[in-house]
């Protein structure tokens, strides 16, 4: 059995522990450092999610395969994502929503779950009249980075570079033809259910994700 549902305060604890407490995107750098110093990053994450849900609507998707969390995605209007100001390839297009995270459990990497999450986001945003999804990509991810989506992944699922950079390119996925995404999501879920099985020992929340942590990029000078 498989499903894609919205991330809410009721299921936010299904995110990987390091993502559950990470406020890289949700707070400006200085505020994020203060939250980490006082140990309340999880509360700040909840506050951001609650505010975004109330003010804008759904801002995340989580995939379950055989009732186990297998991956998630987060997205929001640029105005709700303070970290945007730190990237040298900003600002995000006025007609776009920012995709901030796409992550899959390591044992299921390469099985199409990441693509399916992007499809689910595209389906949601197309229904809401959004014209495009944009994302900052990491052109040189390392084993220690995970907060910025690898640029190669974004390119592989249809994003195009709109502002190049040696490390932090900005990419865009047009949704004008996004109606086709709607039919793809359910079909992708059915294929994944047939092709993927969760290892028996994986009985908890997401243990890790395939996108490595990256240090905050320096603002453009």
Foldseek 3Di string as FASTA:
>chain_A
DKDKDFDAPVCLVLAAPVVLQDCLFQDAPVVRVVCVVVVNSNVSSNVLRVVQCVPPRGFKMFMDAVNATFWMWGKAAQVRTNLCQFDQADDDDPLEIETFATWGFPVCPPVCPSLLNVLVVLVVVVVVVRFKYKFWAFCDADQAAARGHHPVVVVVNAWDFPADDNTTTMTMHTNPVSPVSVVVNVVSRVVCNVVDDDPPVPDGRRNDTDGHRDDRHGHDD
